[in-house]
Amino acid sequence: GVKNIGYDSFNNCKALEKITVSPENTVYSTDENGILFNKDKTVLIKYPAKSTNTSYTIPNGVKTISERAFEYCSNLATVVIPDSVTTIEGSAFYNCSALENVTLSENLETIGMYAFYGCSKIKEIAIPDGVTSVDYRAFHNCSALESVTLPDSVEYIGDAVFEGTAFYNNSSNWEND
């Protein structure tokens, strides 16, 4: 009968392996991997940080990856985000220490603050055309990040988005005004 899971309910749950929701629940659902969604699976709420999966393809139909959804995932190396996703909320992939490969949705519009903060194995990221906003510190401390592709559609880049990355630290990547 749970109808509301509050903000930060799973914050810092680094040992969480699986979430199970009764099929009769009218607000939430889970899949065979123990991943928490809203009932109609348009919002991915929480991916268990200690899941043993090394790769995951988000189901088509998901529109939003919630804040802290993949926070501290220690085994996840590859994630494919389908074209149905338009929003990656803040801290969605915060400190995913094994994450190397990310395929972003072609229909993505916003990347929230701290979205990929501390994903230290990502080497390159191609932000798709259509993204208008890359928020504060979205890729901060992604220390291996060497290559970034930004489309013309980006209208806003928050402070320190690429600080602490190989890309940022290589001064030849930046023009001085």
N, C-alpha and C. Protein backbone atom coordinates (compact mmCIF):
# COMPACT_ATOMS: atom_id res chain seq x y z
N GLY A 1 0.79 -1.21 0.00
CA GLY A 1 0.00 0.00 0.00
C GLY A 1 0.82 1.27 0.00
N VAL A 2 2.15 1.17 -0.19
CA VAL A 2 3.00 2.37 -0.20
C VAL A 2 2.59 3.26 -1.37
N LYS A 3 2.35 4.54 -1.07
CA LYS A 3 1.94 5.48 -2.11
C LYS A 3 2.91 6.62 -2.30
N ASN A 4 3.85 6.77 -1.36
CA ASN A 4 4.82 7.85 -1.49
C ASN A 4 6.16 7.42 -0.90
N ILE A 5 7.18 7.51 -1.71
CA ILE A 5 8.55 7.29 -1.25
C ILE A 5 9.23 8.64 -1.30
N GLY A 6 9.59 9.16 -0.17
CA GLY A 6 10.13 10.52 -0.07
C GLY A 6 11.49 10.71 -0.70
N TYR A 7 11.79 11.96 -0.94
CA TYR A 7 13.07 12.38 -1.48
C TYR A 7 14.21 11.84 -0.62
N ASP A 8 15.22 11.32 -1.24
CA ASP A 8 16.43 10.78 -0.58
C ASP A 8 16.17 9.52 0.23
N SER A 9 15.06 8.83 0.01
CA SER A 9 14.77 7.62 0.76
C SER A 9 15.84 6.55 0.59
N PHE A 10 16.46 6.49 -0.58
CA PHE A 10 17.49 5.49 -0.84
C PHE A 10 18.88 6.12 -0.92
N ASN A 11 19.01 7.35 -0.45
CA ASN A 11 20.28 8.06 -0.49
C ASN A 11 21.38 7.27 0.23
N ASN A 12 22.49 7.06 -0.47
CA ASN A 12 23.68 6.43 0.10
C ASN A 12 23.46 4.95 0.47
N CYS A 13 22.51 4.29 -0.17
CA CYS A 13 22.26 2.86 0.09
C CYS A 13 23.19 2.03 -0.80
N LYS A 14 24.45 2.00 -0.48
CA LYS A 14 25.47 1.36 -1.31
C LYS A 14 25.38 -0.16 -1.33
N ALA A 15 24.70 -0.77 -0.38
CA ALA A 15 24.60 -2.23 -0.32
C ALA A 15 23.26 -2.75 -0.87
N LEU A 16 22.42 -1.87 -1.39
CA LEU A 16 21.11 -2.27 -1.90
C LEU A 16 21.26 -3.14 -3.15
N GLU A 17 20.71 -4.36 -3.09
CA GLU A 17 20.85 -5.32 -4.19
C GLU A 17 19.59 -5.45 -5.04
N LYS A 18 18.44 -5.27 -4.44
CA LYS A 18 17.19 -5.48 -5.18
C LYS A 18 16.03 -4.81 -4.44
N ILE A 19 15.07 -4.34 -5.22
CA ILE A 19 13.85 -3.76 -4.67
C ILE A 19 12.69 -4.59 -5.19
N THR A 20 11.76 -4.92 -4.31
CA THR A 20 10.58 -5.69 -4.71
C THR A 20 9.33 -4.93 -4.32
N VAL A 21 8.44 -4.77 -5.29
CA VAL A 21 7.17 -4.09 -5.06
C VAL A 21 6.05 -5.05 -5.45
N SER A 22 5.04 -5.13 -4.63
CA SER A 22 3.88 -5.96 -4.92
C SER A 22 3.25 -5.52 -6.24
N PRO A 23 2.87 -6.47 -7.10
CA PRO A 23 2.19 -6.12 -8.36
C PRO A 23 0.88 -5.35 -8.14
N GLU A 24 0.30 -5.47 -6.95
CA GLU A 24 -0.94 -4.77 -6.65
C GLU A 24 -0.73 -3.30 -6.27
N ASN A 25 0.52 -2.90 -6.05
CA ASN A 25 0.78 -1.50 -5.70
C ASN A 25 0.32 -0.61 -6.85
N THR A 26 -0.40 0.46 -6.53
CA THR A 26 -0.97 1.33 -7.56
C THR A 26 -0.06 2.47 -7.99
N VAL A 27 1.09 2.64 -7.31
CA VAL A 27 1.96 3.78 -7.60
C VAL A 27 3.32 3.35 -8.13
N TYR A 28 3.87 2.26 -7.63
CA TYR A 28 5.23 1.82 -7.97
C TYR A 28 5.24 0.43 -8.59
N SER A 29 6.35 0.13 -9.29
CA SER A 29 6.56 -1.20 -9.85
C SER A 29 8.05 -1.49 -9.88
N THR A 30 8.38 -2.76 -9.99
CA THR A 30 9.77 -3.17 -10.17
C THR A 30 9.82 -4.15 -11.34
N ASP A 31 11.03 -4.38 -11.83
CA ASP A 31 11.20 -5.37 -12.88
C ASP A 31 11.97 -6.57 -12.34
N GLU A 32 12.31 -7.51 -13.22
CA GLU A 32 12.99 -8.73 -12.80
C GLU A 32 14.39 -8.47 -12.22
N ASN A 33 14.95 -7.29 -12.47
CA ASN A 33 16.26 -6.93 -11.92
C ASN A 33 16.17 -6.21 -10.58
N GLY A 34 14.95 -6.00 -10.08
CA GLY A 34 14.77 -5.31 -8.80
C GLY A 34 14.95 -3.82 -8.90
N ILE A 35 14.64 -3.25 -10.06
CA ILE A 35 14.77 -1.82 -10.30
C ILE A 35 13.41 -1.17 -10.07
N LEU A 36 13.41 -0.06 -9.35
CA LEU A 36 12.18 0.63 -8.97
C LEU A 36 11.78 1.67 -10.02
N PHE A 37 10.50 1.60 -10.44
CA PHE A 37 9.91 2.54 -11.38
C PHE A 37 8.61 3.06 -10.81
N ASN A 38 8.07 4.12 -11.44
CA ASN A 38 6.69 4.46 -11.16
C ASN A 38 5.83 3.37 -11.82
N LYS A 39 4.53 3.37 -11.57
CA LYS A 39 3.67 2.27 -12.01
C LYS A 39 3.71 2.04 -13.52
N ASP A 40 3.67 3.12 -14.31
CA ASP A 40 3.63 2.94 -15.76
C ASP A 40 5.04 2.90 -16.40
N LYS A 41 6.06 2.86 -15.56
CA LYS A 41 7.46 2.73 -15.99
C LYS A 41 7.91 3.85 -16.94
N THR A 42 7.45 5.07 -16.66
CA THR A 42 7.94 6.23 -17.39
C THR A 42 9.04 6.95 -16.61
N VAL A 43 9.17 6.61 -15.33
CA VAL A 43 10.19 7.20 -14.47
C VAL A 43 10.98 6.08 -13.82
N LEU A 44 12.29 6.05 -14.05
CA LEU A 44 13.17 5.12 -13.36
C LEU A 44 13.58 5.80 -12.06
N ILE A 45 13.17 5.23 -10.94
CA ILE A 45 13.37 5.86 -9.64
C ILE A 45 14.67 5.41 -8.97
N LYS A 46 14.92 4.10 -8.94
CA LYS A 46 16.12 3.61 -8.26
C LYS A 46 16.62 2.31 -8.85
N TYR A 47 17.89 2.33 -9.23
CA TYR A 47 18.62 1.15 -9.67
C TYR A 47 19.47 0.73 -8.47
N PRO A 48 19.34 -0.50 -7.98
CA PRO A 48 20.07 -0.91 -6.78
C PRO A 48 21.60 -0.79 -6.96
N ALA A 49 22.23 -0.06 -6.08
CA ALA A 49 23.66 0.25 -6.19
C ALA A 49 24.54 -1.00 -6.20
N LYS A 50 24.13 -2.04 -5.54
CA LYS A 50 24.94 -3.25 -5.45
C LYS A 50 24.49 -4.35 -6.42
N SER A 51 23.69 -3.97 -7.41
CA SER A 51 23.30 -4.94 -8.44
C SER A 51 24.57 -5.52 -9.07
N THR A 52 24.54 -6.79 -9.40
CA THR A 52 25.72 -7.43 -9.99
C THR A 52 25.80 -7.24 -11.51
N ASN A 53 24.77 -6.63 -12.11
CA ASN A 53 24.80 -6.39 -13.55
C ASN A 53 25.91 -5.41 -13.90
N THR A 54 26.65 -5.73 -14.96
CA THR A 54 27.69 -4.81 -15.43
C THR A 54 27.21 -3.94 -16.58
N SER A 55 26.09 -4.31 -17.17
CA SER A 55 25.50 -3.46 -18.21
C SER A 55 23.99 -3.45 -18.03
N TYR A 56 23.39 -2.35 -18.48
CA TYR A 56 21.96 -2.21 -18.34
C TYR A 56 21.43 -1.32 -19.46
N THR A 57 20.38 -1.78 -20.11
CA THR A 57 19.66 -0.98 -21.09
C THR A 57 18.35 -0.57 -20.45
N ILE A 58 18.18 0.71 -20.27
CA ILE A 58 16.96 1.25 -19.69
C ILE A 58 15.81 0.93 -20.65
N PRO A 59 14.68 0.46 -20.13
CA PRO A 59 13.56 0.10 -21.01
C PRO A 59 13.04 1.30 -21.81
N ASN A 60 12.70 1.02 -23.07
CA ASN A 60 12.07 2.04 -23.89
C ASN A 60 10.74 2.42 -23.24
N GLY A 61 10.43 3.68 -23.22
CA GLY A 61 9.22 4.17 -22.56
C GLY A 61 9.54 5.01 -21.34
N VAL A 62 10.70 4.76 -20.73
CA VAL A 62 11.15 5.60 -19.61
C VAL A 62 11.44 6.99 -20.16
N LYS A 63 10.88 8.02 -19.52
CA LYS A 63 11.07 9.40 -19.96
C LYS A 63 12.04 10.16 -19.07
N THR A 64 12.07 9.78 -17.78
CA THR A 64 12.89 10.50 -16.80
C THR A 64 13.71 9.52 -15.98
N ILE A 65 14.99 9.85 -15.82
CA ILE A 65 15.85 9.14 -14.88
C ILE A 65 15.92 10.03 -13.65
N SER A 66 15.36 9.56 -12.56
CA SER A 66 15.22 10.37 -11.35
C SER A 66 16.55 10.73 -10.71
N GLU A 67 16.45 11.74 -9.87
CA GLU A 67 17.59 12.17 -9.07
C GLU A 67 18.11 10.99 -8.25
N ARG A 68 19.40 10.76 -8.30
CA ARG A 68 20.11 9.72 -7.56
C ARG A 68 19.72 8.29 -7.96
N ALA A 69 19.11 8.12 -9.12
CA ALA A 69 18.62 6.80 -9.53
C ALA A 69 19.72 5.74 -9.57
N PHE A 70 20.89 6.08 -10.06
CA PHE A 70 21.99 5.11 -10.18
C PHE A 70 23.14 5.43 -9.21
N GLU A 71 22.91 6.27 -8.27
CA GLU A 71 23.94 6.73 -7.33
C GLU A 71 24.73 5.55 -6.73
N TYR A 72 26.03 5.66 -6.77
CA TYR A 72 26.98 4.70 -6.16
C TYR A 72 26.91 3.29 -6.74
N CYS A 73 26.41 3.12 -7.96
CA CYS A 73 26.42 1.79 -8.57
C CYS A 73 27.88 1.38 -8.79
N SER A 74 28.28 0.33 -8.14
CA SER A 74 29.70 -0.06 -8.15
C SER A 74 30.06 -1.09 -9.21
N ASN A 75 29.08 -1.74 -9.83
CA ASN A 75 29.37 -2.76 -10.84
C ASN A 75 28.99 -2.35 -12.25
N LEU A 76 28.15 -1.36 -12.40
CA LEU A 76 27.61 -0.98 -13.69
C LEU A 76 28.68 -0.29 -14.54
N ALA A 77 29.07 -0.92 -15.66
CA ALA A 77 30.09 -0.37 -16.55
C ALA A 77 29.50 0.26 -17.81
N THR A 78 28.35 -0.24 -18.24
CA THR A 78 27.73 0.25 -19.47
C THR A 78 26.25 0.50 -19.24
N VAL A 79 25.78 1.65 -19.70
CA VAL A 79 24.34 1.95 -19.64
C VAL A 79 23.91 2.52 -20.98
N VAL A 80 22.79 2.01 -21.47
CA VAL A 80 22.20 2.51 -22.71
C VAL A 80 20.90 3.20 -22.34
N ILE A 81 20.80 4.46 -22.71
CA ILE A 81 19.63 5.26 -22.39
C ILE A 81 18.82 5.41 -23.68
N PRO A 82 17.59 4.87 -23.70
CA PRO A 82 16.81 4.86 -24.94
C PRO A 82 16.33 6.25 -25.33
N ASP A 83 15.89 6.36 -26.58
CA ASP A 83 15.45 7.65 -27.10
C ASP A 83 14.18 8.19 -26.45
N SER A 84 13.49 7.39 -25.67
CA SER A 84 12.31 7.88 -24.95
C SER A 84 12.68 8.81 -23.80
N VAL A 85 13.92 8.73 -23.31
CA VAL A 85 14.35 9.55 -22.17
C VAL A 85 14.64 10.98 -22.63
N THR A 86 14.00 11.94 -21.95
CA THR A 86 14.23 13.36 -22.25
C THR A 86 14.95 14.08 -21.12
N THR A 87 14.93 13.50 -19.92
CA THR A 87 15.51 14.18 -18.76
C THR A 87 16.34 13.23 -17.91
N ILE A 88 17.56 13.67 -17.61
CA ILE A 88 18.40 13.00 -16.61
C ILE A 88 18.49 14.00 -15.46
N GLU A 89 17.89 13.65 -14.35
CA GLU A 89 17.86 14.57 -13.21
C GLU A 89 19.20 14.60 -12.47
N GLY A 90 19.33 15.52 -11.55
CA GLY A 90 20.55 15.73 -10.79
C GLY A 90 21.03 14.49 -10.06
N SER A 91 22.34 14.31 -10.06
CA SER A 91 23.02 13.21 -9.35
C SER A 91 22.55 11.83 -9.80
N ALA A 92 21.95 11.71 -10.97
CA ALA A 92 21.38 10.44 -11.42
C ALA A 92 22.42 9.32 -11.45
N PHE A 93 23.63 9.60 -11.87
CA PHE A 93 24.69 8.59 -11.95
C PHE A 93 25.85 8.95 -11.02
N TYR A 94 25.57 9.63 -9.96
CA TYR A 94 26.56 10.15 -9.01
C TYR A 94 27.48 9.03 -8.52
N ASN A 95 28.77 9.23 -8.73
CA ASN A 95 29.82 8.31 -8.26
C ASN A 95 29.60 6.85 -8.66
N CYS A 96 29.20 6.63 -9.90
CA CYS A 96 29.15 5.27 -10.44
C CYS A 96 30.57 4.90 -10.83
N SER A 97 31.28 4.28 -9.92
CA SER A 97 32.73 4.10 -10.04
C SER A 97 33.18 3.20 -11.18
N ALA A 98 32.33 2.31 -11.69
CA ALA A 98 32.71 1.41 -12.78
C ALA A 98 32.20 1.88 -14.14
N LEU A 99 31.37 2.92 -14.17
CA LEU A 99 30.72 3.34 -15.41
C LEU A 99 31.74 3.87 -16.42
N GLU A 100 31.81 3.19 -17.57
CA GLU A 100 32.74 3.57 -18.64
C GLU A 100 32.03 4.04 -19.89
N ASN A 101 30.94 3.36 -20.24
CA ASN A 101 30.26 3.60 -21.51
C ASN A 101 28.83 4.05 -21.27
N VAL A 102 28.51 5.21 -21.84
CA VAL A 102 27.16 5.75 -21.71
C VAL A 102 26.67 6.12 -23.10
N THR A 103 25.54 5.54 -23.49
CA THR A 103 24.89 5.94 -24.74
C THR A 103 23.68 6.77 -24.35
N LEU A 104 23.71 8.04 -24.73
CA LEU A 104 22.65 8.96 -24.36
C LEU A 104 21.51 8.94 -25.37
N SER A 105 20.31 9.22 -24.90
CA SER A 105 19.10 9.31 -25.72
C SER A 105 19.25 10.41 -26.76
N GLU A 106 18.83 10.13 -27.98
CA GLU A 106 18.84 11.15 -29.03
C GLU A 106 17.80 12.24 -28.77
N ASN A 107 16.86 12.00 -27.87
CA ASN A 107 15.81 12.98 -27.56
C ASN A 107 16.04 13.67 -26.22
N LEU A 108 17.23 13.47 -25.66
CA LEU A 108 17.56 14.08 -24.38
C LEU A 108 17.53 15.60 -24.50
N GLU A 109 16.96 16.26 -23.47
CA GLU A 109 16.88 17.72 -23.46
C GLU A 109 17.71 18.34 -22.35
N THR A 110 17.72 17.70 -21.16
CA THR A 110 18.45 18.28 -20.04
C THR A 110 19.27 17.23 -19.30
N ILE A 111 20.42 17.67 -18.85
CA ILE A 111 21.29 16.86 -17.99
C ILE A 111 21.44 17.65 -16.70
N GLY A 112 20.92 17.11 -15.62
CA GLY A 112 20.85 17.82 -14.34
C GLY A 112 22.20 17.97 -13.65
N MET A 113 22.20 18.81 -12.60
CA MET A 113 23.42 19.06 -11.86
C MET A 113 23.94 17.78 -11.20
N TYR A 114 25.24 17.63 -11.24
CA TYR A 114 25.94 16.47 -10.69
C TYR A 114 25.51 15.15 -11.35
N ALA A 115 24.88 15.18 -12.50
CA ALA A 115 24.30 13.98 -13.11
C ALA A 115 25.31 12.82 -13.23
N PHE A 116 26.52 13.11 -13.67
CA PHE A 116 27.55 12.07 -13.82
C PHE A 116 28.76 12.36 -12.93
N TYR A 117 28.58 13.12 -11.91
CA TYR A 117 29.66 13.51 -11.01
C TYR A 117 30.43 12.29 -10.50
N GLY A 118 31.75 12.33 -10.63
CA GLY A 118 32.60 11.29 -10.08
C GLY A 118 32.59 9.97 -10.83
N CYS A 119 32.05 9.95 -12.03
CA CYS A 119 32.10 8.71 -12.85
C CYS A 119 33.50 8.68 -13.49
N SER A 120 34.44 8.20 -12.74
CA SER A 120 35.86 8.36 -13.06
C SER A 120 36.40 7.50 -14.20
N LYS A 121 35.59 6.65 -14.79
CA LYS A 121 36.07 5.82 -15.90
C LYS A 121 35.53 6.22 -17.27
N ILE A 122 34.60 7.16 -17.31
CA ILE A 122 34.08 7.63 -18.59
C ILE A 122 35.17 8.39 -19.31
N LYS A 123 35.51 7.97 -20.54
CA LYS A 123 36.56 8.63 -21.31
C LYS A 123 36.02 9.61 -22.34
N GLU A 124 34.81 9.34 -22.82
CA GLU A 124 34.24 10.25 -23.81
C GLU A 124 32.73 10.31 -23.65
N ILE A 125 32.20 11.46 -24.04
CA ILE A 125 30.75 11.64 -23.97
C ILE A 125 30.33 12.47 -25.18
N ALA A 126 29.29 12.01 -25.85
CA ALA A 126 28.72 12.75 -26.98
C ALA A 126 27.33 13.20 -26.56
N ILE A 127 27.19 14.47 -26.32
CA ILE A 127 25.91 15.02 -25.92
C ILE A 127 25.09 15.23 -27.19
N PRO A 128 23.92 14.61 -27.27
CA PRO A 128 23.15 14.65 -28.51
C PRO A 128 22.55 16.02 -28.81
N ASP A 129 22.34 16.25 -30.11
CA ASP A 129 21.68 17.46 -30.56
C ASP A 129 20.28 17.48 -29.97
N GLY A 130 19.88 18.60 -29.45
CA GLY A 130 18.59 18.73 -28.79
C GLY A 130 18.74 19.05 -27.31
N VAL A 131 19.88 18.66 -26.73
CA VAL A 131 20.13 19.01 -25.34
C VAL A 131 20.31 20.52 -25.27
N THR A 132 19.54 21.16 -24.40
CA THR A 132 19.63 22.61 -24.27
C THR A 132 20.36 23.04 -23.00
N SER A 133 20.45 22.11 -22.02
CA SER A 133 21.01 22.48 -20.73
C SER A 133 21.86 21.36 -20.15
N VAL A 134 23.10 21.72 -19.77
CA VAL A 134 23.98 20.83 -19.03
C VAL A 134 24.27 21.56 -17.73
N ASP A 135 23.68 21.07 -16.66
CA ASP A 135 23.67 21.83 -15.41
C ASP A 135 24.98 21.70 -14.62
N TYR A 136 25.05 22.47 -13.57
CA TYR A 136 26.18 22.62 -12.65
C TYR A 136 26.86 21.29 -12.33
N ARG A 137 28.15 21.21 -12.59
CA ARG A 137 29.00 20.07 -12.25
C ARG A 137 28.50 18.73 -12.78
N ALA A 138 27.80 18.74 -13.90
CA ALA A 138 27.23 17.51 -14.45
C ALA A 138 28.27 16.42 -14.70
N PHE A 139 29.47 16.80 -15.11
CA PHE A 139 30.54 15.83 -15.37
C PHE A 139 31.76 16.11 -14.50
N HIS A 140 31.58 16.80 -13.42
CA HIS A 140 32.67 17.17 -12.51
C HIS A 140 33.32 15.91 -11.94
N ASN A 141 34.63 15.93 -11.85
CA ASN A 141 35.42 14.81 -11.31
C ASN A 141 35.27 13.51 -12.09
N CYS A 142 34.95 13.61 -13.36
CA CYS A 142 35.02 12.44 -14.25
C CYS A 142 36.46 12.44 -14.78
N SER A 143 37.37 11.98 -13.95
CA SER A 143 38.80 12.19 -14.17
C SER A 143 39.35 11.63 -15.48
N ALA A 144 38.76 10.58 -16.04
CA ALA A 144 39.25 10.00 -17.29
C ALA A 144 38.65 10.67 -18.53
N LEU A 145 37.67 11.55 -18.35
CA LEU A 145 36.97 12.17 -19.48
C LEU A 145 37.92 13.02 -20.31
N GLU A 146 38.15 12.58 -21.56
CA GLU A 146 39.09 13.26 -22.46
C GLU A 146 38.41 13.94 -23.63
N SER A 147 37.26 13.43 -24.03
CA SER A 147 36.61 13.91 -25.24
C SER A 147 35.14 14.21 -24.97
N VAL A 148 34.73 15.42 -25.34
CA VAL A 148 33.35 15.85 -25.16
C VAL A 148 32.85 16.44 -26.47
N THR A 149 31.70 15.98 -26.91
CA THR A 149 31.05 16.54 -28.09
C THR A 149 29.82 17.30 -27.62
N LEU A 150 29.81 18.62 -27.90
CA LEU A 150 28.68 19.48 -27.53
C LEU A 150 27.98 19.96 -28.79
N PRO A 151 26.67 19.79 -28.89
CA PRO A 151 25.95 20.26 -30.07
C PRO A 151 25.63 21.75 -29.99
N ASP A 152 25.21 22.31 -31.10
CA ASP A 152 24.82 23.72 -31.15
C ASP A 152 23.58 24.01 -30.31
N SER A 153 22.79 23.00 -30.02
CA SER A 153 21.54 23.20 -29.28
C SER A 153 21.75 23.59 -27.82
N VAL A 154 22.96 23.35 -27.28
CA VAL A 154 23.22 23.66 -25.87
C VAL A 154 23.23 25.18 -25.67
N GLU A 155 22.29 25.64 -24.84
CA GLU A 155 22.15 27.06 -24.55
C GLU A 155 22.71 27.43 -23.18
N TYR A 156 22.82 26.43 -22.31
CA TYR A 156 23.28 26.70 -20.95
C TYR A 156 24.22 25.60 -20.49
N ILE A 157 25.39 26.01 -20.02
CA ILE A 157 26.34 25.10 -19.38
C ILE A 157 26.62 25.69 -18.01
N GLY A 158 26.30 24.94 -16.97
CA GLY A 158 26.50 25.41 -15.61
C GLY A 158 27.96 25.50 -15.21
N ASP A 159 28.22 26.09 -14.08
CA ASP A 159 29.58 26.23 -13.57
C ASP A 159 30.21 24.88 -13.32
N ALA A 160 31.50 24.80 -13.57
CA ALA A 160 32.35 23.65 -13.23
C ALA A 160 31.86 22.33 -13.81
N VAL A 161 31.17 22.38 -14.95
CA VAL A 161 30.63 21.17 -15.56
C VAL A 161 31.72 20.14 -15.84
N PHE A 162 32.87 20.58 -16.36
CA PHE A 162 33.94 19.65 -16.73
C PHE A 162 35.17 19.76 -15.83
N GLU A 163 35.06 20.46 -14.74
CA GLU A 163 36.19 20.61 -13.82
C GLU A 163 36.57 19.25 -13.24
N GLY A 164 37.87 19.00 -13.13
CA GLY A 164 38.34 17.73 -12.58
C GLY A 164 38.37 16.61 -13.60
N THR A 165 38.26 16.95 -14.88
CA THR A 165 38.34 15.96 -15.95
C THR A 165 39.65 16.12 -16.71
N ALA A 166 40.05 15.07 -17.41
CA ALA A 166 41.23 15.17 -18.27
C ALA A 166 40.99 16.21 -19.36
N PHE A 167 39.76 16.29 -19.84
CA PHE A 167 39.38 17.27 -20.85
C PHE A 167 39.63 18.69 -20.36
N TYR A 168 39.18 18.98 -19.16
CA TYR A 168 39.31 20.31 -18.57
C TYR A 168 40.77 20.63 -18.25
N ASN A 169 41.48 19.65 -17.74
CA ASN A 169 42.85 19.87 -17.33
C ASN A 169 43.81 20.07 -18.49
N ASN A 170 43.42 19.66 -19.70
CA ASN A 170 44.25 19.87 -20.88
C ASN A 170 43.91 21.25 -21.42
N SER A 171 44.74 22.23 -21.10
CA SER A 171 44.44 23.62 -21.44
C SER A 171 44.32 23.86 -22.93
N SER A 172 44.85 22.95 -23.78
CA SER A 172 44.73 23.16 -25.21
C SER A 172 43.29 22.97 -25.70
N ASN A 173 42.43 22.41 -24.87
CA ASN A 173 41.02 22.24 -25.24
C ASN A 173 40.23 23.53 -25.08
N TRP A 174 40.78 24.51 -24.42
CA TRP A 174 40.04 25.72 -24.10
C TRP A 174 40.64 26.94 -24.78
N GLU A 175 39.79 27.82 -25.21
CA GLU A 175 40.25 29.10 -25.77
C GLU A 175 40.17 30.13 -24.66
N ASN A 176 41.15 31.00 -24.64
CA ASN A 176 41.13 32.09 -23.66
C ASN A 176 40.44 33.30 -24.26
N ASP A 177 39.53 33.91 -23.50
CA ASP A 177 38.82 35.10 -23.98
C ASP A 177 39.62 36.33 -23.68
